[in-house]
Amino acid sequence: MIRKTWSAHEADEWTKEDWIAIVLSPLCYVLITIGAALTILLQVSGYIMLILGIGLTIYMHLVIDPKLKAISNEYEKKQQTYLEELEAKVRWKPINQKPS
């Protein structure tokens, strides 16, 4: 139901996982905030909201994290290539030559 593996191009597209994160994010924030406040006041509903908020936050993380990692890995590869080319230009070396 929820994809765990993504390519960078696939992860850049809007999918149901993004919509799950969009809906759950403010819901988790509200549940954790109100749940923590009511827990401090020793209300049973506060404990329930806090546990539900934490559980939904963990679920949201498991849903959206694979997409974020795929995009991040692709960005890191591009950044590394750019830094190598920049280093070669600064040292006046041909771009295709590996630094020694």
C-alpha atoms as a PDB file:
ATOM      1  CA  MET A   1       0.000   0.000   0.000  1.00  0.00           C
ATOM      2  CA  ILE A   2       2.830   2.429   0.885  1.00  0.00           C
ATOM      3  CA  ARG A   3       5.955   2.409  -1.309  1.00  0.00           C
ATOM      4  CA  LYS A   4       9.290   1.976   0.416  1.00  0.00           C
ATOM      5  CA  THR A   5      11.712   2.331  -2.515  1.00  0.00           C
ATOM      6  CA  TRP A   6      11.902   5.373  -4.767  1.00  0.00           C
ATOM      7  CA  SER A   7      14.113   6.712  -7.492  1.00  0.00           C
ATOM      8  CA  ALA A   8      14.887  10.418  -7.285  1.00  0.00           C
ATOM      9  CA  HIS A   9      12.661  11.176 -10.274  1.00  0.00           C
ATOM     10  CA  GLU A  10       9.733   9.176  -8.855  1.00  0.00           C
ATOM     11  CA  ALA A  11      10.136  10.767  -5.432  1.00  0.00           C
ATOM     12  CA  ASP A  12       9.938  14.225  -6.974  1.00  0.00           C
ATOM     13  CA  GLU A  13       6.375  13.538  -8.197  1.00  0.00           C
ATOM     14  CA  TRP A  14       3.307  14.158  -6.009  1.00  0.00           C
ATOM     15  CA  THR A  15       1.840  10.889  -4.761  1.00  0.00           C
ATOM     16  CA  LYS A  16      -0.549   9.642  -2.114  1.00  0.00           C
ATOM     17  CA  GLU A  17       2.370   9.495   0.354  1.00  0.00           C
ATOM     18  CA  ASP A  18       2.740  13.266   0.090  1.00  0.00           C
ATOM     19  CA  TRP A  19      -0.963  13.749   0.751  1.00  0.00           C
ATOM     20  CA  ILE A  20      -0.780  11.447   3.768  1.00  0.00           C
ATOM     21  CA  ALA A  21       2.052  13.586   5.155  1.00  0.00           C
ATOM     22  CA  ILE A  22       0.152  16.822   4.394  1.00  0.00           C
ATOM     23  CA  VAL A  23      -2.917  15.630   6.287  1.00  0.00           C
ATOM     24  CA  LEU A  24      -1.098  13.985   9.187  1.00  0.00           C
ATOM     25  CA  SER A  25       1.409  16.756   9.860  1.00  0.00           C
ATOM     26  CA  PRO A  26      -0.960  19.370  11.327  1.00  0.00           C
ATOM     27  CA  LEU A  27      -3.067  16.645  12.947  1.00  0.00           C
ATOM     28  CA  CYS A  28      -0.006  15.249  14.757  1.00  0.00           C
ATOM     29  CA  TYR A  29       1.050  18.730  15.839  1.00  0.00           C
ATOM     30  CA  VAL A  30      -2.364  19.491  17.332  1.00  0.00           C
ATOM     31  CA  LEU A  31      -2.699  16.105  19.020  1.00  0.00           C
ATOM     32  CA  ILE A  32       0.752  16.274  20.589  1.00  0.00           C
ATOM     33  CA  THR A  33       0.339  19.890  21.722  1.00  0.00           C
ATOM     34  CA  ILE A  34      -3.114  19.470  23.239  1.00  0.00           C
ATOM     35  CA  GLY A  35      -2.249  16.003  24.523  1.00  0.00           C
ATOM     36  CA  ALA A  36       0.840  17.293  26.326  1.00  0.00           C
ATOM     37  CA  ALA A  37      -1.118  20.150  27.889  1.00  0.00           C
ATOM     38  CA  LEU A  38      -3.890  17.871  29.089  1.00  0.00           C
ATOM     39  CA  THR A  39      -1.368  15.285  30.285  1.00  0.00           C
ATOM     40  CA  ILE A  40       0.216  17.954  32.490  1.00  0.00           C
ATOM     41  CA  LEU A  41      -3.273  18.491  33.939  1.00  0.00           C
ATOM     42  CA  LEU A  42      -3.548  14.707  34.467  1.00  0.00           C
ATOM     43  CA  GLN A  43      -6.525  14.324  32.122  1.00  0.00           C
ATOM     44  CA  VAL A  44      -7.068  10.849  30.659  1.00  0.00           C
ATOM     45  CA  SER A  45      -7.979  12.367  27.291  1.00  0.00           C
ATOM     46  CA  GLY A  46      -4.550  14.028  27.272  1.00  0.00           C
ATOM     47  CA  TYR A  47      -2.783  10.695  27.567  1.00  0.00           C
ATOM     48  CA  ILE A  48      -4.888   9.290  24.726  1.00  0.00           C
ATOM     49  CA  MET A  49      -4.243  12.310  22.475  1.00  0.00           C
ATOM     50  CA  LEU A  50      -0.534  12.270  23.237  1.00  0.00           C
ATOM     51  CA  ILE A  51      -0.176   8.559  22.477  1.00  0.00           C
ATOM     52  CA  LEU A  52      -2.257   8.923  19.307  1.00  0.00           C
ATOM     53  CA  GLY A  53      -0.201  11.949  18.210  1.00  0.00           C
ATOM     54  CA  ILE A  54       3.088  10.142  18.766  1.00  0.00           C
ATOM     55  CA  GLY A  55       1.835   7.054  16.929  1.00  0.00           C
ATOM     56  CA  LEU A  56       0.644   9.090  13.939  1.00  0.00           C
ATOM     57  CA  THR A  57       3.938  10.991  13.876  1.00  0.00           C
ATOM     58  CA  ILE A  58       5.869   7.730  13.689  1.00  0.00           C
ATOM     59  CA  TYR A  59       3.567   6.500  10.905  1.00  0.00           C
ATOM     60  CA  MET A  60       3.985   9.768   8.986  1.00  0.00           C
ATOM     61  CA  HIS A  61       7.759   9.478   9.280  1.00  0.00           C
ATOM     62  CA  LEU A  62       7.695   5.903   7.954  1.00  0.00           C
ATOM     63  CA  VAL A  63       5.544   7.000   4.994  1.00  0.00           C
ATOM     64  CA  ILE A  64       7.464  10.097   3.852  1.00  0.00           C
ATOM     65  CA  ASP A  65      11.059   9.308   4.891  1.00  0.00           C
ATOM     66  CA  PRO A  66      11.899   6.961   1.952  1.00  0.00           C
ATOM     67  CA  LYS A  67      10.911   9.697  -0.520  1.00  0.00           C
ATOM     68  CA  LEU A  68      12.955  12.311   1.294  1.00  0.00           C
ATOM     69  CA  LYS A  69      16.006  10.042   1.429  1.00  0.00           C
ATOM     70  CA  ALA A  70      15.796   9.331  -2.320  1.00  0.00           C
ATOM     71  CA  ILE A  71      15.685  13.039  -3.139  1.00  0.00           C
ATOM     72  CA  SER A  72      18.430  13.810  -0.641  1.00  0.00           C
ATOM     73  CA  ASN A  73      20.765  11.131  -2.024  1.00  0.00           C
ATOM     74  CA  GLU A  74      20.338  12.463  -5.568  1.00  0.00           C
ATOM     75  CA  TYR A  75      21.015  16.007  -4.372  1.00  0.00           C
ATOM     76  CA  GLU A  76      24.162  14.908  -2.539  1.00  0.00           C
ATOM     77  CA  LYS A  77      25.488  13.242  -5.714  1.00  0.00           C
ATOM     78  CA  LYS A  78      24.878  16.399  -7.756  1.00  0.00           C
ATOM     79  CA  GLN A  79      26.461  18.545  -5.036  1.00  0.00           C
ATOM     80  CA  GLN A  80      29.555  16.319  -4.926  1.00  0.00           C
ATOM     81  CA  THR A  81      29.973  16.544  -8.721  1.00  0.00           C
ATOM     82  CA  TYR A  82      29.574  20.304  -8.585  1.00  0.00           C
ATOM     83  CA  LEU A  83      32.170  20.645  -5.810  1.00  0.00           C
ATOM     84  CA  GLU A  84      34.654  18.490  -7.728  1.00  0.00           C
ATOM     85  CA  GLU A  85      34.196  20.614 -10.864  1.00  0.00           C
ATOM     86  CA  LEU A  86      34.522  23.807  -8.854  1.00  0.00           C
ATOM     87  CA  GLU A  87      37.720  22.552  -7.206  1.00  0.00           C
ATOM     88  CA  ALA A  88      39.160  21.682 -10.608  1.00  0.00           C
ATOM     89  CA  LYS A  89      38.324  25.144 -11.969  1.00  0.00           C
ATOM     90  CA  VAL A  90      39.846  26.896  -8.973  1.00  0.00           C
ATOM     91  CA  ARG A  91      43.059  24.877  -9.354  1.00  0.00           C
ATOM     92  CA  TRP A  92      43.034  25.389 -13.156  1.00  0.00           C
ATOM     93  CA  LYS A  93      42.875  21.686 -13.902  1.00  0.00           C
ATOM     94  CA  PRO A  94      40.852  20.056 -16.655  1.00  0.00           C
ATOM     95  CA  ILE A  95      37.421  19.098 -15.318  1.00  0.00           C
ATOM     96  CA  ASN A  96      37.651  15.430 -16.301  1.00  0.00           C
ATOM     97  CA  GLN A  97      40.973  14.956 -14.468  1.00  0.00           C
ATOM     98  CA  LYS A  98      40.627  13.387 -11.036  1.00  0.00           C
ATOM     99  CA  PRO A  99      42.173  15.355  -8.152  1.00  0.00           C
ATOM    100  CA  SER A 100      45.326  13.805  -6.773  1.00  0.00           C
END
